Amino acid sequence: MTQYRLKRAYEPASDDDGFRVYIDRLWPRGLSHETFHYDLWDKDIAPSSELREWFHADPENRWPEFERRYTRELTDNPSFDALRRLLAQKPVVTLVYSSHDELHNNAVVVHDLLIK
């Protein structure tokens, strides 16, 4: 069974991370391509631009609705099914995200869907 972890892009990569999947649509601000390590960057499972912009306008109050909408986007997305199958073959997967908020971000939603 795959063990899933969450980690900010700004934290250094470690051997314990296993397979690292960057799941944001935008490159993490301030990080170079030489220093930021990921095994897969899957922009197709990131929240739509419209949803991301809507959420970032008021993340504290919009979190429950963001979770609902983003879950719907993911469950309707064939790329998410393909990613789920790929990750199920890995012993350890770290979902990497760039948000400063460690509790309210798209990686949390992806994580929750993957462990179901």
PDB file of N, CA and C in Angstrom:
ATOM      1  N   MET A   1       0.847  -1.188   0.000  1.00  0.00           N
ATOM      2  CA  MET A   1       0.000   0.000   0.000  1.00  0.00           C
ATOM      3  C   MET A   1       0.888   1.245   0.000  1.00  0.00           C
ATOM      4  N   THR A   2       0.528   2.203  -0.817  1.00  0.00           N
ATOM      5  CA  THR A   2       1.297   3.435  -0.955  1.00  0.00           C
ATOM      6  C   THR A   2       1.125   4.317   0.276  1.00  0.00           C
ATOM      7  N   GLN A   3       2.230   4.878   0.717  1.00  0.00           N
ATOM      8  CA  GLN A   3       2.201   5.856   1.801  1.00  0.00           C
ATOM      9  C   GLN A   3       2.285   7.240   1.157  1.00  0.00           C
ATOM     10  N   TYR A   4       1.312   8.094   1.435  1.00  0.00           N
ATOM     11  CA  TYR A   4       1.255   9.432   0.847  1.00  0.00           C
ATOM     12  C   TYR A   4       1.658  10.467   1.880  1.00  0.00           C
ATOM     13  N   ARG A   5       2.464  11.416   1.420  1.00  0.00           N
ATOM     14  CA  ARG A   5       2.925  12.509   2.269  1.00  0.00           C
ATOM     15  C   ARG A   5       2.682  13.832   1.554  1.00  0.00           C
ATOM     16  N   LEU A   6       2.705  14.897   2.326  1.00  0.00           N
ATOM     17  CA  LEU A   6       2.565  16.253   1.800  1.00  0.00           C
ATOM     18  C   LEU A   6       3.805  17.046   2.180  1.00  0.00           C
ATOM     19  N   LYS A   7       4.243  17.913   1.262  1.00  0.00           N
ATOM     20  CA  LYS A   7       5.437  18.708   1.550  1.00  0.00           C
ATOM     21  C   LYS A   7       5.424  19.973   0.709  1.00  0.00           C
ATOM     22  N   ARG A   8       5.815  21.069   1.335  1.00  0.00           N
ATOM     23  CA  ARG A   8       5.926  22.335   0.602  1.00  0.00           C
ATOM     24  C   ARG A   8       7.118  22.285  -0.345  1.00  0.00           C
ATOM     25  N   ALA A   9       6.985  22.917  -1.465  1.00  0.00           N
ATOM     26  CA  ALA A   9       8.048  22.959  -2.464  1.00  0.00           C
ATOM     27  C   ALA A   9       9.301  23.641  -1.925  1.00  0.00           C
ATOM     28  N   TYR A  10       9.138  24.481  -0.931  1.00  0.00           N
ATOM     29  CA  TYR A  10      10.252  25.251  -0.395  1.00  0.00           C
ATOM     30  C   TYR A  10      11.046  24.492   0.662  1.00  0.00           C
ATOM     31  N   GLU A  11      10.558  23.314   1.044  1.00  0.00           N
ATOM     32  CA  GLU A  11      11.305  22.454   1.950  1.00  0.00           C
ATOM     33  C   GLU A  11      12.244  21.601   1.109  1.00  0.00           C
ATOM     34  N   PRO A  12      13.457  21.324   1.612  1.00  0.00           N
ATOM     35  CA  PRO A  12      14.392  20.530   0.813  1.00  0.00           C
ATOM     36  C   PRO A  12      13.879  19.104   0.583  1.00  0.00           C
ATOM     37  N   ALA A  13      14.174  18.597  -0.600  1.00  0.00           N
ATOM     38  CA  ALA A  13      13.834  17.201  -0.908  1.00  0.00           C
ATOM     39  C   ALA A  13      14.701  16.291  -0.048  1.00  0.00           C
ATOM     40  N   SER A  14      14.160  15.109   0.267  1.00  0.00           N
ATOM     41  CA  SER A  14      14.941  14.136   1.024  1.00  0.00           C
ATOM     42  C   SER A  14      14.714  12.753   0.434  1.00  0.00           C
ATOM     43  N   ASP A  15      15.580  11.836   0.769  1.00  0.00           N
ATOM     44  CA  ASP A  15      15.450  10.463   0.279  1.00  0.00           C
ATOM     45  C   ASP A  15      14.156   9.823   0.766  1.00  0.00           C
ATOM     46  N   ASP A  16      13.648  10.263   1.911  1.00  0.00           N
ATOM     47  CA  ASP A  16      12.414   9.714   2.474  1.00  0.00           C
ATOM     48  C   ASP A  16      11.168  10.116   1.681  1.00  0.00           C
ATOM     49  N   ASP A  17      11.308  11.077   0.777  1.00  0.00           N
ATOM     50  CA  ASP A  17      10.152  11.567   0.020  1.00  0.00           C
ATOM     51  C   ASP A  17       9.626  10.541  -0.983  1.00  0.00           C
ATOM     52  N   GLY A  18      10.437   9.610  -1.386  1.00  0.00           N
ATOM     53  CA  GLY A  18      10.008   8.662  -2.404  1.00  0.00           C
ATOM     54  C   GLY A  18       9.781   9.370  -3.729  1.00  0.00           C
ATOM     55  N   PHE A  19       8.673   9.072  -4.374  1.00  0.00           N
ATOM     56  CA  PHE A  19       8.309   9.650  -5.669  1.00  0.00           C
ATOM     57  C   PHE A  19       7.640  10.992  -5.420  1.00  0.00           C
ATOM     58  N   ARG A  20       8.233  12.060  -5.936  1.00  0.00           N
ATOM     59  CA  ARG A  20       7.742  13.417  -5.688  1.00  0.00           C
ATOM     60  C   ARG A  20       6.899  13.906  -6.861  1.00  0.00           C
ATOM     61  N   VAL A  21       5.657  14.299  -6.549  1.00  0.00           N
ATOM     62  CA  VAL A  21       4.744  14.803  -7.571  1.00  0.00           C
ATOM     63  C   VAL A  21       4.400  16.254  -7.243  1.00  0.00           C
ATOM     64  N   TYR A  22       4.797  17.163  -8.128  1.00  0.00           N
ATOM     65  CA  TYR A  22       4.427  18.568  -7.961  1.00  0.00           C
ATOM     66  C   TYR A  22       3.056  18.744  -8.589  1.00  0.00           C
ATOM     67  N   ILE A  23       2.087  19.235  -7.809  1.00  0.00           N
ATOM     68  CA  ILE A  23       0.710  19.219  -8.278  1.00  0.00           C
ATOM     69  C   ILE A  23       0.086  20.597  -8.463  1.00  0.00           C
ATOM     70  N   ASP A  24       0.901  21.629  -8.530  1.00  0.00           N
ATOM     71  CA  ASP A  24       0.377  22.959  -8.815  1.00  0.00           C
ATOM     72  C   ASP A  24       0.518  23.265 -10.305  1.00  0.00           C
ATOM     73  N   ARG A  25      -0.306  24.166 -10.777  1.00  0.00           N
ATOM     74  CA  ARG A  25      -0.254  24.557 -12.185  1.00  0.00           C
ATOM     75  C   ARG A  25       0.902  25.528 -12.448  1.00  0.00           C
ATOM     76  N   LEU A  26       1.208  26.363 -11.461  1.00  0.00           N
ATOM     77  CA  LEU A  26       2.237  27.386 -11.627  1.00  0.00           C
ATOM     78  C   LEU A  26       3.535  26.955 -10.961  1.00  0.00           C
ATOM     79  N   TRP A  27       4.650  27.352 -11.553  1.00  0.00           N
ATOM     80  CA  TRP A  27       5.965  27.058 -10.986  1.00  0.00           C
ATOM     81  C   TRP A  27       6.090  27.750  -9.630  1.00  0.00           C
ATOM     82  N   PRO A  28       6.727  27.106  -8.640  1.00  0.00           N
ATOM     83  CA  PRO A  28       6.867  27.745  -7.323  1.00  0.00           C
ATOM     84  C   PRO A  28       7.762  28.986  -7.392  1.00  0.00           C
ATOM     85  N   ARG A  29       7.210  30.085  -6.977  1.00  0.00           N
ATOM     86  CA  ARG A  29       7.888  31.378  -7.047  1.00  0.00           C
ATOM     87  C   ARG A  29       9.222  31.337  -6.303  1.00  0.00           C
ATOM     88  N   GLY A  30      10.266  31.806  -6.964  1.00  0.00           N
ATOM     89  CA  GLY A  30      11.569  31.933  -6.328  1.00  0.00           C
ATOM     90  C   GLY A  30      12.441  30.685  -6.381  1.00  0.00           C
ATOM     91  N   LEU A  31      11.933  29.577  -6.900  1.00  0.00           N
ATOM     92  CA  LEU A  31      12.739  28.354  -6.984  1.00  0.00           C
ATOM     93  C   LEU A  31      13.245  28.167  -8.410  1.00  0.00           C
ATOM     94  N   SER A  32      14.481  27.744  -8.525  1.00  0.00           N
ATOM     95  CA  SER A  32      15.046  27.518  -9.849  1.00  0.00           C
ATOM     96  C   SER A  32      14.781  26.083 -10.291  1.00  0.00           C
ATOM     97  N   HIS A  33      14.844  25.882 -11.581  1.00  0.00           N
ATOM     98  CA  HIS A  33      14.659  24.539 -12.135  1.00  0.00           C
ATOM     99  C   HIS A  33      15.798  23.611 -11.726  1.00  0.00           C
ATOM    100  N   GLU A  34      16.925  24.157 -11.385  1.00  0.00           N
ATOM    101  CA  GLU A  34      18.081  23.351 -10.974  1.00  0.00           C
ATOM    102  C   GLU A  34      17.971  22.862  -9.534  1.00  0.00           C
ATOM    103  N   THR A  35      17.287  23.617  -8.684  1.00  0.00           N
ATOM    104  CA  THR A  35      17.258  23.256  -7.268  1.00  0.00           C
ATOM    105  C   THR A  35      15.973  22.565  -6.819  1.00  0.00           C
ATOM    106  N   PHE A  36      14.896  22.756  -7.568  1.00  0.00           N
ATOM    107  CA  PHE A  36      13.617  22.161  -7.168  1.00  0.00           C
ATOM    108  C   PHE A  36      13.515  20.763  -7.766  1.00  0.00           C
ATOM    109  N   HIS A  37      13.420  19.763  -6.891  1.00  0.00           N
ATOM    110  CA  HIS A  37      13.374  18.377  -7.357  1.00  0.00           C
ATOM    111  C   HIS A  37      11.951  17.828  -7.337  1.00  0.00           C
ATOM    112  N   TYR A  38      11.552  17.238  -8.458  1.00  0.00           N
ATOM    113  CA  TYR A  38      10.284  16.515  -8.551  1.00  0.00           C
ATOM    114  C   TYR A  38      10.467  15.410  -9.588  1.00  0.00           C
ATOM    115  N   ASP A  39       9.700  14.354  -9.443  1.00  0.00           N
ATOM    116  CA  ASP A  39       9.744  13.259 -10.399  1.00  0.00           C
ATOM    117  C   ASP A  39       8.674  13.411 -11.474  1.00  0.00           C
ATOM    118  N   LEU A  40       7.594  14.105 -11.125  1.00  0.00           N
ATOM    119  CA  LEU A  40       6.496  14.320 -12.057  1.00  0.00           C
ATOM    120  C   LEU A  40       5.843  15.647 -11.724  1.00  0.00           C
ATOM    121  N   TRP A  41       5.591  16.440 -12.750  1.00  0.00           N
ATOM    122  CA  TRP A  41       4.828  17.668 -12.581  1.00  0.00           C
ATOM    123  C   TRP A  41       3.540  17.470 -13.367  1.00  0.00           C
ATOM    124  N   ASP A  42       2.453  17.295 -12.678  1.00  0.00           N
ATOM    125  CA  ASP A  42       1.187  16.994 -13.324  1.00  0.00           C
ATOM    126  C   ASP A  42       0.257  18.201 -13.243  1.00  0.00           C
ATOM    127  N   LYS A  43       0.397  19.102 -14.199  1.00  0.00           N
ATOM    128  CA  LYS A  43      -0.434  20.308 -14.233  1.00  0.00           C
ATOM    129  C   LYS A  43      -1.903  19.980 -14.480  1.00  0.00           C
ATOM    130  N   ASP A  44      -2.149  18.828 -15.113  1.00  0.00           N
ATOM    131  CA  ASP A  44      -3.526  18.468 -15.466  1.00  0.00           C
ATOM    132  C   ASP A  44      -4.409  18.185 -14.256  1.00  0.00           C
ATOM    133  N   ILE A  45      -3.799  17.904 -13.116  1.00  0.00           N
ATOM    134  CA  ILE A  45      -4.643  17.662 -11.936  1.00  0.00           C
ATOM    135  C   ILE A  45      -4.706  18.871 -11.006  1.00  0.00           C
ATOM    136  N   ALA A  46      -4.027  19.930 -11.363  1.00  0.00           N
ATOM    137  CA  ALA A  46      -4.108  21.154 -10.564  1.00  0.00           C
ATOM    138  C   ALA A  46      -5.511  21.750 -10.704  1.00  0.00           C
ATOM    139  N   PRO A  47      -5.937  22.537  -9.734  1.00  0.00           N
ATOM    140  CA  PRO A  47      -7.248  23.189  -9.878  1.00  0.00           C
ATOM    141  C   PRO A  47      -7.273  24.059 -11.128  1.00  0.00           C
ATOM    142  N   SER A  48      -8.435  24.179 -11.719  1.00  0.00           N
ATOM    143  CA  SER A  48      -8.578  25.068 -12.877  1.00  0.00           C
ATOM    144  C   SER A  48      -8.169  26.484 -12.463  1.00  0.00           C
ATOM    145  N   SER A  49      -7.753  27.262 -13.430  1.00  0.00           N
ATOM    146  CA  SER A  49      -7.352  28.649 -13.136  1.00  0.00           C
ATOM    147  C   SER A  49      -8.488  29.418 -12.492  1.00  0.00           C
ATOM    148  N   GLU A  50      -9.702  29.203 -12.961  1.00  0.00           N
ATOM    149  CA  GLU A  50     -10.859  29.902 -12.407  1.00  0.00           C
ATOM    150  C   GLU A  50     -11.065  29.534 -10.938  1.00  0.00           C
ATOM    151  N   LEU A  51     -10.979  28.241 -10.637  1.00  0.00           N
ATOM    152  CA  LEU A  51     -11.179  27.801  -9.250  1.00  0.00           C
ATOM    153  C   LEU A  51     -10.054  28.307  -8.351  1.00  0.00           C
ATOM    154  N   ARG A  52      -8.829  28.223  -8.829  1.00  0.00           N
ATOM    155  CA  ARG A  52      -7.679  28.683  -8.041  1.00  0.00           C
ATOM    156  C   ARG A  52      -7.803  30.169  -7.716  1.00  0.00           C
ATOM    157  N   GLU A  53      -8.135  30.981  -8.713  1.00  0.00           N
ATOM    158  CA  GLU A  53      -8.253  32.426  -8.498  1.00  0.00           C
ATOM    159  C   GLU A  53      -9.411  32.748  -7.553  1.00  0.00           C
ATOM    160  N   TRP A  54     -10.533  32.049  -7.716  1.00  0.00           N
ATOM    161  CA  TRP A  54     -11.681  32.253  -6.831  1.00  0.00           C
ATOM    162  C   TRP A  54     -11.293  31.932  -5.387  1.00  0.00           C
ATOM    163  N   PHE A  55     -10.631  30.809  -5.178  1.00  0.00           N
ATOM    164  CA  PHE A  55     -10.244  30.378  -3.839  1.00  0.00           C
ATOM    165  C   PHE A  55      -9.265  31.351  -3.192  1.00  0.00           C
ATOM    166  N   HIS A  56      -8.265  31.801  -3.931  1.00  0.00           N
ATOM    167  CA  HIS A  56      -7.229  32.664  -3.364  1.00  0.00           C
ATOM    168  C   HIS A  56      -7.750  34.052  -2.980  1.00  0.00           C
ATOM    169  N   ALA A  57      -8.922  34.410  -3.449  1.00  0.00           N
ATOM    170  CA  ALA A  57      -9.494  35.697  -3.060  1.00  0.00           C
ATOM    171  C   ALA A  57      -9.936  35.704  -1.598  1.00  0.00           C
ATOM    172  N   ASP A  58     -10.263  34.527  -1.035  1.00  0.00           N
ATOM    173  CA  ASP A  58     -10.722  34.439   0.358  1.00  0.00           C
ATOM    174  C   ASP A  58     -10.584  32.991   0.851  1.00  0.00           C
ATOM    175  N   PRO A  59      -9.349  32.497   0.984  1.00  0.00           N
ATOM    176  CA  PRO A  59      -9.153  31.078   1.287  1.00  0.00           C
ATOM    177  C   PRO A  59      -9.761  30.615   2.605  1.00  0.00           C
ATOM    178  N   GLU A  60      -9.740  31.437   3.599  1.00  0.00           N
ATOM    179  CA  GLU A  60     -10.265  31.012   4.898  1.00  0.00           C
ATOM    180  C   GLU A  60     -11.756  30.672   4.830  1.00  0.00           C
ATOM    181  N   ASN A  61     -12.504  31.526   4.183  1.00  0.00           N
ATOM    182  CA  ASN A  61     -13.954  31.333   4.124  1.00  0.00           C
ATOM    183  C   ASN A  61     -14.407  30.431   2.979  1.00  0.00           C
ATOM    184  N   ARG A  62     -13.575  30.265   1.983  1.00  0.00           N
ATOM    185  CA  ARG A  62     -13.972  29.491   0.807  1.00  0.00           C
ATOM    186  C   ARG A  62     -13.452  28.054   0.806  1.00  0.00           C
ATOM    187  N   TRP A  63     -12.725  27.656   1.843  1.00  0.00           N
ATOM    188  CA  TRP A  63     -12.131  26.325   1.868  1.00  0.00           C
ATOM    189  C   TRP A  63     -13.140  25.195   1.676  1.00  0.00           C
ATOM    190  N   PRO A  64     -14.243  25.128   2.423  1.00  0.00           N
ATOM    191  CA  PRO A  64     -15.170  23.998   2.231  1.00  0.00           C
ATOM    192  C   PRO A  64     -15.703  23.914   0.791  1.00  0.00           C
ATOM    193  N   GLU A  65     -16.040  25.057   0.227  1.00  0.00           N
ATOM    194  CA  GLU A  65     -16.555  25.060  -1.148  1.00  0.00           C
ATOM    195  C   GLU A  65     -15.438  24.716  -2.141  1.00  0.00           C
ATOM    196  N   PHE A  66     -14.217  25.189  -1.875  1.00  0.00           N
ATOM    197  CA  PHE A  66     -13.085  24.823  -2.733  1.00  0.00           C
ATOM    198  C   PHE A  66     -12.883  23.316  -2.726  1.00  0.00           C
ATOM    199  N   GLU A  67     -12.920  22.694  -1.549  1.00  0.00           N
ATOM    200  CA  GLU A  67     -12.770  21.237  -1.453  1.00  0.00           C
ATOM    201  C   GLU A  67     -13.816  20.522  -2.304  1.00  0.00           C
ATOM    202  N   ARG A  68     -15.042  20.969  -2.207  1.00  0.00           N
ATOM    203  CA  ARG A  68     -16.134  20.336  -2.955  1.00  0.00           C
ATOM    204  C   ARG A  68     -15.927  20.495  -4.461  1.00  0.00           C
ATOM    205  N   ARG A  69     -15.637  21.718  -4.891  1.00  0.00           N
ATOM    206  CA  ARG A  69     -15.472  21.978  -6.330  1.00  0.00           C
ATOM    207  C   ARG A  69     -14.243  21.275  -6.899  1.00  0.00           C
ATOM    208  N   TYR A  70     -13.147  21.315  -6.160  1.00  0.00           N
ATOM    209  CA  TYR A  70     -11.924  20.695  -6.654  1.00  0.00           C
ATOM    210  C   TYR A  70     -12.050  19.172  -6.684  1.00  0.00           C
ATOM    211  N   THR A  71     -12.721  18.610  -5.699  1.00  0.00           N
ATOM    212  CA  THR A  71     -12.975  17.164  -5.714  1.00  0.00           C
ATOM    213  C   THR A  71     -13.771  16.794  -6.956  1.00  0.00           C
ATOM    214  N   ARG A  72     -14.754  17.593  -7.296  1.00  0.00           N
ATOM    215  CA  ARG A  72     -15.543  17.337  -8.509  1.00  0.00           C
ATOM    216  C   ARG A  72     -14.662  17.434  -9.751  1.00  0.00           C
ATOM    217  N   GLU A  73     -13.794  18.450  -9.820  1.00  0.00           N
ATOM    218  CA  GLU A  73     -12.880  18.562 -10.960  1.00  0.00           C
ATOM    219  C   GLU A  73     -12.009  17.309 -11.081  1.00  0.00           C
ATOM    220  N   LEU A  74     -11.495  16.845  -9.961  1.00  0.00           N
ATOM    221  CA  LEU A  74     -10.612  15.674  -9.991  1.00  0.00           C
ATOM    222  C   LEU A  74     -11.358  14.405 -10.386  1.00  0.00           C
ATOM    223  N   THR A  75     -12.527  14.199  -9.826  1.00  0.00           N
ATOM    224  CA  THR A  75     -13.249  12.954 -10.119  1.00  0.00           C
ATOM    225  C   THR A  75     -13.739  12.920 -11.562  1.00  0.00           C
ATOM    226  N   ASP A  76     -13.880  14.074 -12.191  1.00  0.00           N
ATOM    227  CA  ASP A  76     -14.275  14.144 -13.603  1.00  0.00           C
ATOM    228  C   ASP A  76     -13.075  14.151 -14.550  1.00  0.00           C
ATOM    229  N   ASN A  77     -11.868  14.065 -13.998  1.00  0.00           N
ATOM    230  CA  ASN A  77     -10.644  14.236 -14.792  1.00  0.00           C
ATOM    231  C   ASN A  77      -9.964  12.890 -15.045  1.00  0.00           C
ATOM    232  N   PRO A  78      -9.893  12.430 -16.298  1.00  0.00           N
ATOM    233  CA  PRO A  78      -9.220  11.161 -16.594  1.00  0.00           C
ATOM    234  C   PRO A  78      -7.736  11.172 -16.215  1.00  0.00           C
ATOM    235  N   SER A  79      -7.110  12.339 -16.210  1.00  0.00           N
ATOM    236  CA  SER A  79      -5.702  12.429 -15.803  1.00  0.00           C
ATOM    237  C   SER A  79      -5.525  12.034 -14.346  1.00  0.00           C
ATOM    238  N   PHE A  80      -6.525  12.332 -13.518  1.00  0.00           N
ATOM    239  CA  PHE A  80      -6.425  11.958 -12.110  1.00  0.00           C
ATOM    240  C   PHE A  80      -6.496  10.447 -11.949  1.00  0.00           C
ATOM    241  N   ASP A  81      -7.352   9.801 -12.715  1.00  0.00           N
ATOM    242  CA  ASP A  81      -7.419   8.333 -12.664  1.00  0.00           C
ATOM    243  C   ASP A  81      -6.089   7.709 -13.076  1.00  0.00           C
ATOM    244  N   ALA A  82      -5.492   8.246 -14.124  1.00  0.00           N
ATOM    245  CA  ALA A  82      -4.194   7.728 -14.581  1.00  0.00           C
ATOM    246  C   ALA A  82      -3.125   7.955 -13.516  1.00  0.00           C
ATOM    247  N   LEU A  83      -3.137   9.122 -12.895  1.00  0.00           N
ATOM    248  CA  LEU A  83      -2.169   9.407 -11.840  1.00  0.00           C
ATOM    249  C   LEU A  83      -2.375   8.467 -10.657  1.00  0.00           C
ATOM    250  N   ARG A  84      -3.597   8.235 -10.275  1.00  0.00           N
ATOM    251  CA  ARG A  84      -3.902   7.341  -9.156  1.00  0.00           C
ATOM    252  C   ARG A  84      -3.328   5.941  -9.418  1.00  0.00           C
ATOM    253  N   ARG A  85      -3.495   5.440 -10.630  1.00  0.00           N
ATOM    254  CA  ARG A  85      -2.967   4.115 -10.973  1.00  0.00           C
ATOM    255  C   ARG A  85      -1.439   4.105 -10.917  1.00  0.00           C
ATOM    256  N   LEU A  86      -0.809   5.148 -11.432  1.00  0.00           N
ATOM    257  CA  LEU A  86       0.650   5.240 -11.400  1.00  0.00           C
ATOM    258  C   LEU A  86       1.166   5.272  -9.966  1.00  0.00           C
ATOM    259  N   LEU A  87       0.573   6.107  -9.136  1.00  0.00           N
ATOM    260  CA  LEU A  87       1.049   6.275  -7.766  1.00  0.00           C
ATOM    261  C   LEU A  87       0.808   5.042  -6.911  1.00  0.00           C
ATOM    262  N   ALA A  88      -0.204   4.275  -7.239  1.00  0.00           N
ATOM    263  CA  ALA A  88      -0.492   3.053  -6.477  1.00  0.00           C
ATOM    264  C   ALA A  88       0.644   2.036  -6.602  1.00  0.00           C
ATOM    265  N   GLN A  89       1.509   2.203  -7.580  1.00  0.00           N
ATOM    266  CA  GLN A  89       2.643   1.303  -7.788  1.00  0.00           C
ATOM    267  C   GLN A  89       3.882   1.735  -6.998  1.00  0.00           C
ATOM    268  N   LYS A  90       3.824   2.882  -6.362  1.00  0.00           N
ATOM    269  CA  LYS A  90       4.965   3.431  -5.634  1.00  0.00           C
ATOM    270  C   LYS A  90       4.802   3.185  -4.140  1.00  0.00           C
ATOM    271  N   PRO A  91       5.895   2.844  -3.434  1.00  0.00           N
ATOM    272  CA  PRO A  91       5.768   2.627  -1.984  1.00  0.00           C
ATOM    273  C   PRO A  91       5.540   3.929  -1.211  1.00  0.00           C
ATOM    274  N   VAL A  92       6.219   5.010  -1.619  1.00  0.00           N
ATOM    275  CA  VAL A  92       6.081   6.305  -0.943  1.00  0.00           C
ATOM    276  C   VAL A  92       5.925   7.385  -2.005  1.00  0.00           C
ATOM    277  N   VAL A  93       4.924   8.236  -1.806  1.00  0.00           N
ATOM    278  CA  VAL A  93       4.665   9.350  -2.714  1.00  0.00           C
ATOM    279  C   VAL A  93       4.538  10.616  -1.885  1.00  0.00           C
ATOM    280  N   THR A  94       5.263  11.646  -2.291  1.00  0.00           N
ATOM    281  CA  THR A  94       5.136  12.949  -1.643  1.00  0.00           C
ATOM    282  C   THR A  94       4.487  13.910  -2.624  1.00  0.00           C
ATOM    283  N   LEU A  95       3.349  14.453  -2.221  1.00  0.00           N
ATOM    284  CA  LEU A  95       2.657  15.464  -3.002  1.00  0.00           C
ATOM    285  C   LEU A  95       3.248  16.810  -2.621  1.00  0.00           C
ATOM    286  N   VAL A  96       3.821  17.481  -3.589  1.00  0.00           N
ATOM    287  CA  VAL A  96       4.546  18.729  -3.343  1.00  0.00           C
ATOM    288  C   VAL A  96       3.691  19.893  -3.847  1.00  0.00           C
ATOM    289  N   TYR A  97       3.581  20.911  -3.008  1.00  0.00           N
ATOM    290  CA  TYR A  97       2.756  22.078  -3.318  1.00  0.00           C
ATOM    291  C   TYR A  97       3.500  23.334  -2.907  1.00  0.00           C
ATOM    292  N   SER A  98       3.085  24.482  -3.447  1.00  0.00           N
ATOM    293  CA  SER A  98       3.796  25.722  -3.140  1.00  0.00           C
ATOM    294  C   SER A  98       3.051  26.651  -2.185  1.00  0.00           C
ATOM    295  N   SER A  99       1.831  26.347  -1.850  1.00  0.00           N
ATOM    296  CA  SER A  99       1.045  27.210  -0.967  1.00  0.00           C
ATOM    297  C   SER A  99       1.732  27.404   0.386  1.00  0.00           C
ATOM    298  N   HIS A 100       1.536  28.578   0.958  1.00  0.00           N
ATOM    299  CA  HIS A 100       2.050  28.837   2.310  1.00  0.00           C
ATOM    300  C   HIS A 100       1.145  28.210   3.372  1.00  0.00           C
ATOM    301  N   ASP A 101      -0.107  28.029   3.035  1.00  0.00           N
ATOM    302  CA  ASP A 101      -1.077  27.461   3.968  1.00  0.00           C
ATOM    303  C   ASP A 101      -0.994  25.936   3.884  1.00  0.00           C
ATOM    304  N   GLU A 102      -0.506  25.324   4.931  1.00  0.00           N
ATOM    305  CA  GLU A 102      -0.279  23.884   4.922  1.00  0.00           C
ATOM    306  C   GLU A 102      -1.550  23.070   5.133  1.00  0.00           C
ATOM    307  N   LEU A 103      -2.624  23.702   5.573  1.00  0.00           N
ATOM    308  CA  LEU A 103      -3.868  22.983   5.840  1.00  0.00           C
ATOM    309  C   LEU A 103      -4.929  23.172   4.764  1.00  0.00           C
ATOM    310  N   HIS A 104      -4.827  24.257   4.021  1.00  0.00           N
ATOM    311  CA  HIS A 104      -5.849  24.597   3.030  1.00  0.00           C
ATOM    312  C   HIS A 104      -5.196  24.812   1.678  1.00  0.00           C
ATOM    313  N   ASN A 105      -4.985  23.722   0.961  1.00  0.00           N
ATOM    314  CA  ASN A 105      -4.387  23.807  -0.365  1.00  0.00           C
ATOM    315  C   ASN A 105      -4.806  22.594  -1.190  1.00  0.00           C
ATOM    316  N   ASN A 106      -4.537  22.645  -2.477  1.00  0.00           N
ATOM    317  CA  ASN A 106      -4.995  21.574  -3.360  1.00  0.00           C
ATOM    318  C   ASN A 106      -4.351  20.229  -3.040  1.00  0.00           C
ATOM    319  N   ALA A 107      -3.143  20.203  -2.490  1.00  0.00           N
ATOM    320  CA  ALA A 107      -2.490  18.939  -2.150  1.00  0.00           C
ATOM    321  C   ALA A 107      -3.279  18.191  -1.077  1.00  0.00           C
ATOM    322  N   VAL A 108      -3.886  18.909  -0.162  1.00  0.00           N
ATOM    323  CA  VAL A 108      -4.690  18.278   0.885  1.00  0.00           C
ATOM    324  C   VAL A 108      -5.880  17.551   0.259  1.00  0.00           C
ATOM    325  N   VAL A 109      -6.509  18.172  -0.717  1.00  0.00           N
ATOM    326  CA  VAL A 109      -7.654  17.549  -1.380  1.00  0.00           C
ATOM    327  C   VAL A 109      -7.209  16.313  -2.157  1.00  0.00           C
ATOM    328  N   VAL A 110      -6.112  16.432  -2.901  1.00  0.00           N
ATOM    329  CA  VAL A 110      -5.590  15.290  -3.664  1.00  0.00           C
ATOM    330  C   VAL A 110      -5.244  14.154  -2.715  1.00  0.00           C
ATOM    331  N   HIS A 111      -4.552  14.482  -1.637  1.00  0.00           N
ATOM    332  CA  HIS A 111      -4.166  13.475  -0.633  1.00  0.00           C
ATOM    333  C   HIS A 111      -5.391  12.732  -0.119  1.00  0.00           C
ATOM    334  N   ASP A 112      -6.418  13.484   0.267  1.00  0.00           N
ATOM    335  CA  ASP A 112      -7.616  12.867   0.831  1.00  0.00           C
ATOM    336  C   ASP A 112      -8.279  11.933  -0.178  1.00  0.00           C
ATOM    337  N   LEU A 113      -8.287  12.298  -1.447  1.00  0.00           N
ATOM    338  CA  LEU A 113      -8.873  11.416  -2.473  1.00  0.00           C
ATOM    339  C   LEU A 113      -8.024  10.172  -2.699  1.00  0.00           C
ATOM    340  N   LEU A 114      -6.705  10.327  -2.635  1.00  0.00           N
ATOM    341  CA  LEU A 114      -5.831   9.187  -2.893  1.00  0.00           C
ATOM    342  C   LEU A 114      -5.885   8.130  -1.775  1.00  0.00           C
ATOM    343  N   ILE A 115      -6.140   8.570  -0.554  1.00  0.00           N
ATOM    344  CA  ILE A 115      -6.139   7.599   0.548  1.00  0.00           C
ATOM    345  C   ILE A 115      -7.503   6.942   0.752  1.00  0.00           C
ATOM    346  N   LYS A 116      -8.511   7.367   0.010  1.00  0.00           N
ATOM    347  CA  LYS A 116      -9.846   6.757   0.127  1.00  0.00           C
ATOM    348  C   LYS A 116      -9.854   5.391  -0.503  1.00  0.00           C
TER     349      LYS A 116
END
